[in-house]
């Protein structure tokens, strides 16, 4: 995801607060089976170095977990949390995303 309206649509849908970040998810309902992912790190995270580090970590977590647990036709936005996303152990971030996705899609069933 690259455009602001896509992020805003995802922000108004389902959300689940994981320990290291917030996950926003939305079913697109446009018939396209692909998954779209976006990452957000506001200035509350810190300077550009910390924001970029947080987004890199979130991209790696998404790269590891989403191919297994993501549902076709969904948009996901991972929002970094100040003081947590950068410092949280990588294994815990993986577990956070797995838990969040199960909670989001479990509510659908």
N, C-alpha and C. Protein backbone atom coordinates (compact mmCIF):
# COMPACT_ATOMS: atom_id res chain seq x y z
N UNK A 1 0.84 -1.16 0.00
CA UNK A 1 0.00 0.00 0.00
C UNK A 1 0.89 1.23 0.00
N UNK A 2 0.50 2.20 -0.80
CA UNK A 2 1.32 3.39 -0.91
C UNK A 2 0.54 4.70 -0.79
N UNK A 3 -0.76 4.65 -0.94
CA UNK A 3 -1.55 5.88 -0.99
C UNK A 3 -2.37 6.07 0.27
N UNK A 4 -2.47 7.31 0.69
CA UNK A 4 -3.16 7.66 1.94
C UNK A 4 -4.58 7.12 2.03
N UNK A 5 -5.40 7.21 0.98
CA UNK A 5 -6.77 6.68 1.11
C UNK A 5 -6.81 5.19 1.46
N UNK A 6 -5.85 4.42 0.98
CA UNK A 6 -5.80 2.99 1.32
C UNK A 6 -5.54 2.81 2.81
N UNK A 7 -4.61 3.62 3.35
CA UNK A 7 -4.30 3.54 4.77
C UNK A 7 -5.51 3.97 5.61
N UNK A 8 -6.22 5.00 5.16
CA UNK A 8 -7.38 5.48 5.91
C UNK A 8 -8.51 4.45 5.91
N UNK A 9 -8.71 3.76 4.79
CA UNK A 9 -9.74 2.71 4.75
C UNK A 9 -9.39 1.58 5.71
N UNK A 10 -8.11 1.21 5.77
CA UNK A 10 -7.69 0.15 6.68
C UNK A 10 -7.83 0.60 8.14
N UNK A 11 -7.60 1.88 8.39
CA UNK A 11 -7.68 2.39 9.77
C UNK A 11 -9.11 2.38 10.28
N UNK A 12 -10.08 2.43 9.38
CA UNK A 12 -11.48 2.45 9.83
C UNK A 12 -12.07 1.05 9.94
N UNK A 13 -11.28 0.02 9.73
CA UNK A 13 -11.78 -1.35 9.78
C UNK A 13 -11.33 -2.02 11.08
N UNK A 14 -11.05 -3.30 11.03
CA UNK A 14 -10.66 -4.05 12.23
C UNK A 14 -9.26 -3.66 12.68
N UNK A 15 -9.06 -3.76 13.98
CA UNK A 15 -7.73 -3.48 14.53
C UNK A 15 -7.49 -4.37 15.74
N UNK A 16 -6.23 -4.66 15.95
CA UNK A 16 -5.86 -5.48 17.10
C UNK A 16 -4.52 -4.98 17.62
N UNK A 17 -4.48 -4.64 18.88
CA UNK A 17 -3.25 -4.15 19.49
C UNK A 17 -2.39 -5.32 19.94
N UNK A 18 -1.27 -5.49 19.27
CA UNK A 18 -0.30 -6.50 19.69
C UNK A 18 0.68 -5.81 20.64
N UNK A 19 1.54 -6.57 21.26
CA UNK A 19 2.49 -5.99 22.20
C UNK A 19 3.45 -5.00 21.58
N UNK A 20 3.93 -5.30 20.37
CA UNK A 20 4.94 -4.45 19.75
C UNK A 20 4.42 -3.48 18.73
N UNK A 21 3.17 -3.62 18.31
CA UNK A 21 2.62 -2.75 17.27
C UNK A 21 1.11 -2.93 17.22
N UNK A 22 0.46 -2.13 16.39
CA UNK A 22 -0.97 -2.22 16.16
C UNK A 22 -1.18 -2.77 14.76
N UNK A 23 -2.13 -3.69 14.61
CA UNK A 23 -2.46 -4.24 13.30
C UNK A 23 -3.85 -3.76 12.92
N UNK A 24 -3.95 -3.15 11.75
CA UNK A 24 -5.23 -2.74 11.19
C UNK A 24 -5.48 -3.62 9.97
N UNK A 25 -6.68 -4.14 9.83
CA UNK A 25 -6.97 -5.06 8.73
C UNK A 25 -8.33 -4.77 8.15
N UNK A 26 -8.44 -4.95 6.84
CA UNK A 26 -9.69 -4.67 6.13
C UNK A 26 -9.83 -5.62 4.96
N UNK A 27 -11.03 -6.15 4.79
CA UNK A 27 -11.32 -6.97 3.61
C UNK A 27 -11.70 -6.02 2.48
N UNK A 28 -10.97 -6.09 1.37
CA UNK A 28 -11.16 -5.15 0.25
C UNK A 28 -12.45 -5.38 -0.50
N UNK A 29 -12.84 -6.62 -0.69
CA UNK A 29 -14.07 -6.96 -1.41
C UNK A 29 -14.07 -6.41 -2.84
N UNK A 30 -12.90 -6.49 -3.49
CA UNK A 30 -12.80 -6.04 -4.88
C UNK A 30 -12.56 -7.21 -5.84
N UNK A 31 -12.56 -8.42 -5.33
CA UNK A 31 -12.38 -9.59 -6.18
C UNK A 31 -10.94 -9.95 -6.46
N UNK A 32 -10.00 -9.13 -6.03
CA UNK A 32 -8.58 -9.43 -6.24
C UNK A 32 -8.06 -10.24 -5.05
N UNK A 33 -7.41 -11.37 -5.32
CA UNK A 33 -7.01 -12.25 -4.22
C UNK A 33 -5.73 -11.82 -3.50
N UNK A 34 -5.01 -10.85 -4.01
CA UNK A 34 -3.74 -10.46 -3.42
C UNK A 34 -3.89 -9.82 -2.06
N UNK A 35 -2.80 -9.83 -1.31
CA UNK A 35 -2.73 -9.20 0.00
C UNK A 35 -1.90 -7.94 -0.13
N UNK A 36 -2.39 -6.84 0.45
CA UNK A 36 -1.62 -5.60 0.46
C UNK A 36 -1.21 -5.29 1.89
N UNK A 37 0.01 -4.78 2.04
CA UNK A 37 0.55 -4.49 3.36
C UNK A 37 1.11 -3.08 3.37
N UNK A 38 0.88 -2.36 4.47
CA UNK A 38 1.45 -1.04 4.66
C UNK A 38 2.08 -0.94 6.04
N UNK A 39 2.99 0.00 6.18
CA UNK A 39 3.71 0.18 7.45
C UNK A 39 3.70 1.65 7.80
N UNK A 40 3.48 1.94 9.09
CA UNK A 40 3.43 3.32 9.54
C UNK A 40 4.25 3.46 10.81
N UNK A 41 5.06 4.52 10.83
CA UNK A 41 5.82 4.86 12.03
C UNK A 41 5.81 6.39 12.14
N UNK A 42 5.06 6.91 13.10
CA UNK A 42 4.94 8.36 13.24
C UNK A 42 6.17 8.94 13.92
N UNK A 43 6.19 10.25 14.03
CA UNK A 43 7.32 10.92 14.67
C UNK A 43 7.38 10.65 16.17
N UNK A 44 6.33 10.07 16.72
CA UNK A 44 6.36 9.69 18.13
C UNK A 44 7.39 8.59 18.37
N UNK A 45 7.72 7.83 17.33
CA UNK A 45 8.71 6.76 17.44
C UNK A 45 10.09 7.33 17.72
N UNK A 46 10.38 8.46 17.11
CA UNK A 46 11.68 9.09 17.28
C UNK A 46 12.11 9.73 15.98
N UNK A 47 13.42 9.91 15.85
CA UNK A 47 13.93 10.54 14.64
C UNK A 47 13.86 9.56 13.46
N UNK A 48 14.35 9.99 12.31
CA UNK A 48 14.25 9.18 11.09
C UNK A 48 14.94 7.82 11.24
N UNK A 49 16.02 7.79 11.97
CA UNK A 49 16.75 6.53 12.17
C UNK A 49 15.86 5.51 12.88
N UNK A 50 15.20 5.93 13.95
CA UNK A 50 14.34 5.02 14.70
C UNK A 50 13.09 4.64 13.91
N UNK A 51 12.51 5.61 13.18
CA UNK A 51 11.33 5.30 12.38
C UNK A 51 11.66 4.29 11.30
N UNK A 52 12.78 4.47 10.63
CA UNK A 52 13.18 3.53 9.58
C UNK A 52 13.50 2.16 10.16
N UNK A 53 14.13 2.12 11.32
CA UNK A 53 14.44 0.85 11.96
C UNK A 53 13.14 0.12 12.33
N UNK A 54 12.18 0.86 12.85
CA UNK A 54 10.89 0.25 13.22
C UNK A 54 10.21 -0.32 11.98
N UNK A 55 10.21 0.43 10.88
CA UNK A 55 9.55 -0.06 9.65
C UNK A 55 10.30 -1.25 9.06
N UNK A 56 11.62 -1.26 9.14
CA UNK A 56 12.38 -2.42 8.65
C UNK A 56 12.03 -3.67 9.45
N UNK A 57 11.94 -3.51 10.76
CA UNK A 57 11.58 -4.66 11.60
C UNK A 57 10.18 -5.15 11.29
N UNK A 58 9.24 -4.22 11.10
CA UNK A 58 7.87 -4.62 10.77
C UNK A 58 7.80 -5.30 9.41
N UNK A 59 8.59 -4.83 8.44
CA UNK A 59 8.61 -5.48 7.12
C UNK A 59 9.11 -6.91 7.22
N UNK A 60 10.14 -7.14 8.02
CA UNK A 60 10.66 -8.50 8.17
C UNK A 60 9.67 -9.42 8.87
N UNK A 61 8.99 -8.90 9.88
CA UNK A 61 7.98 -9.69 10.57
C UNK A 61 6.85 -10.05 9.60
N UNK A 62 6.41 -9.06 8.82
CA UNK A 62 5.35 -9.32 7.85
C UNK A 62 5.80 -10.32 6.79
N UNK A 63 7.03 -10.20 6.36
CA UNK A 63 7.57 -11.12 5.34
C UNK A 63 7.60 -12.55 5.86
N UNK A 64 7.79 -12.72 7.16
CA UNK A 64 7.87 -14.06 7.73
C UNK A 64 6.49 -14.65 8.04
N UNK A 65 5.54 -13.83 8.46
CA UNK A 65 4.28 -14.35 8.97
C UNK A 65 3.13 -14.29 7.96
N UNK A 66 3.04 -13.22 7.19
CA UNK A 66 1.89 -13.03 6.32
C UNK A 66 1.72 -14.11 5.25
N UNK A 67 2.77 -14.65 4.65
CA UNK A 67 2.53 -15.72 3.65
C UNK A 67 1.80 -16.93 4.25
N UNK A 68 1.92 -17.13 5.53
CA UNK A 68 1.29 -18.28 6.17
C UNK A 68 -0.12 -17.96 6.68
N UNK A 69 -0.30 -16.80 7.30
CA UNK A 69 -1.55 -16.52 8.00
C UNK A 69 -2.46 -15.47 7.34
N UNK A 70 -1.98 -14.76 6.34
CA UNK A 70 -2.80 -13.72 5.72
C UNK A 70 -3.92 -14.33 4.89
N UNK A 71 -5.04 -13.67 4.84
CA UNK A 71 -6.19 -14.11 4.06
C UNK A 71 -6.21 -13.37 2.73
N UNK A 72 -6.54 -14.05 1.64
CA UNK A 72 -6.59 -13.39 0.33
C UNK A 72 -7.64 -12.28 0.31
N UNK A 73 -7.28 -11.17 -0.34
CA UNK A 73 -8.21 -10.06 -0.48
C UNK A 73 -8.22 -9.10 0.70
N UNK A 74 -7.27 -9.21 1.60
CA UNK A 74 -7.22 -8.35 2.79
C UNK A 74 -6.08 -7.35 2.67
N UNK A 75 -6.28 -6.17 3.28
CA UNK A 75 -5.23 -5.16 3.45
C UNK A 75 -4.81 -5.17 4.92
N UNK A 76 -3.53 -5.08 5.15
CA UNK A 76 -3.00 -5.03 6.52
C UNK A 76 -2.10 -3.81 6.66
N UNK A 77 -2.22 -3.11 7.77
CA UNK A 77 -1.32 -2.01 8.10
C UNK A 77 -0.74 -2.30 9.47
N UNK A 78 0.58 -2.27 9.56
CA UNK A 78 1.26 -2.46 10.83
C UNK A 78 1.76 -1.10 11.29
N UNK A 79 1.32 -0.68 12.47
CA UNK A 79 1.64 0.64 13.01
C UNK A 79 2.60 0.46 14.17
N UNK A 80 3.77 1.08 14.06
CA UNK A 80 4.80 0.97 15.09
C UNK A 80 4.36 1.69 16.36
N UNK A 81 4.79 1.17 17.50
CA UNK A 81 4.51 1.79 18.79
C UNK A 81 5.78 2.40 19.36
N UNK A 82 5.66 3.59 19.96
CA UNK A 82 6.85 4.26 20.50
C UNK A 82 7.50 3.45 21.62
N UNK A 83 8.81 3.33 21.54
CA UNK A 83 9.58 2.68 22.59
C UNK A 83 9.44 1.18 22.67
N UNK A 84 8.63 0.57 21.81
CA UNK A 84 8.40 -0.86 21.90
C UNK A 84 8.86 -1.58 20.64
N UNK A 85 8.45 -1.09 19.49
CA UNK A 85 8.72 -1.78 18.23
C UNK A 85 10.22 -1.93 17.98
N UNK A 86 10.98 -0.91 18.29
CA UNK A 86 12.42 -0.94 18.03
C UNK A 86 13.15 -1.84 19.01
N UNK A 87 12.68 -1.89 20.27
CA UNK A 87 13.40 -2.61 21.32
C UNK A 87 12.91 -4.03 21.57
N UNK A 88 11.73 -4.37 21.10
CA UNK A 88 11.15 -5.69 21.40
C UNK A 88 11.93 -6.78 20.65
N UNK A 89 12.18 -7.92 21.27
CA UNK A 89 12.88 -9.02 20.59
C UNK A 89 12.11 -9.48 19.35
N UNK A 90 12.86 -9.84 18.32
CA UNK A 90 12.27 -10.23 17.04
C UNK A 90 11.31 -11.41 17.18
N UNK A 91 11.67 -12.39 17.97
CA UNK A 91 10.80 -13.55 18.16
C UNK A 91 9.47 -13.15 18.78
N UNK A 92 9.49 -12.17 19.66
CA UNK A 92 8.25 -11.70 20.28
C UNK A 92 7.40 -10.94 19.26
N UNK A 93 8.04 -10.18 18.35
CA UNK A 93 7.29 -9.49 17.30
C UNK A 93 6.60 -10.49 16.38
N UNK A 94 7.28 -11.58 16.06
CA UNK A 94 6.66 -12.62 15.24
C UNK A 94 5.42 -13.19 15.93
N UNK A 95 5.55 -13.48 17.20
CA UNK A 95 4.43 -14.01 17.97
C UNK A 95 3.28 -13.00 18.07
N UNK A 96 3.64 -11.72 18.21
CA UNK A 96 2.61 -10.67 18.26
C UNK A 96 1.79 -10.64 16.98
N UNK A 97 2.44 -10.72 15.83
CA UNK A 97 1.69 -10.67 14.57
C UNK A 97 0.84 -11.92 14.38
N UNK A 98 1.38 -13.08 14.72
CA UNK A 98 0.60 -14.31 14.62
C UNK A 98 -0.65 -14.22 15.48
N UNK A 99 -0.50 -13.76 16.70
CA UNK A 99 -1.63 -13.63 17.62
C UNK A 99 -2.65 -12.63 17.09
N UNK A 100 -2.18 -11.51 16.59
CA UNK A 100 -3.09 -10.47 16.07
C UNK A 100 -3.87 -10.98 14.86
N UNK A 101 -3.21 -11.67 13.95
CA UNK A 101 -3.90 -12.16 12.76
C UNK A 101 -4.94 -13.22 13.12
N UNK A 102 -4.59 -14.08 14.06
CA UNK A 102 -5.57 -15.09 14.49
C UNK A 102 -6.77 -14.43 15.15
N UNK A 103 -6.54 -13.38 15.92
CA UNK A 103 -7.64 -12.67 16.57
C UNK A 103 -8.52 -11.95 15.54
N UNK A 104 -7.90 -11.33 14.56
CA UNK A 104 -8.65 -10.59 13.54
C UNK A 104 -9.48 -11.55 12.69
N UNK A 105 -8.88 -12.63 12.26
CA UNK A 105 -9.61 -13.55 11.38
C UNK A 105 -10.48 -14.52 12.16
N UNK A 106 -10.18 -14.72 13.41
CA UNK A 106 -11.03 -15.56 14.24
C UNK A 106 -12.37 -14.89 14.50
N UNK A 107 -12.34 -13.55 14.59
CA UNK A 107 -13.58 -12.81 14.82
C UNK A 107 -14.50 -12.90 13.61
N UNK A 108 -13.92 -13.17 12.44
CA UNK A 108 -14.69 -13.25 11.21
C UNK A 108 -15.51 -14.54 11.15
N UNK A 109 -15.00 -15.61 11.75
CA UNK A 109 -15.65 -16.91 11.65
C UNK A 109 -16.89 -17.02 12.51
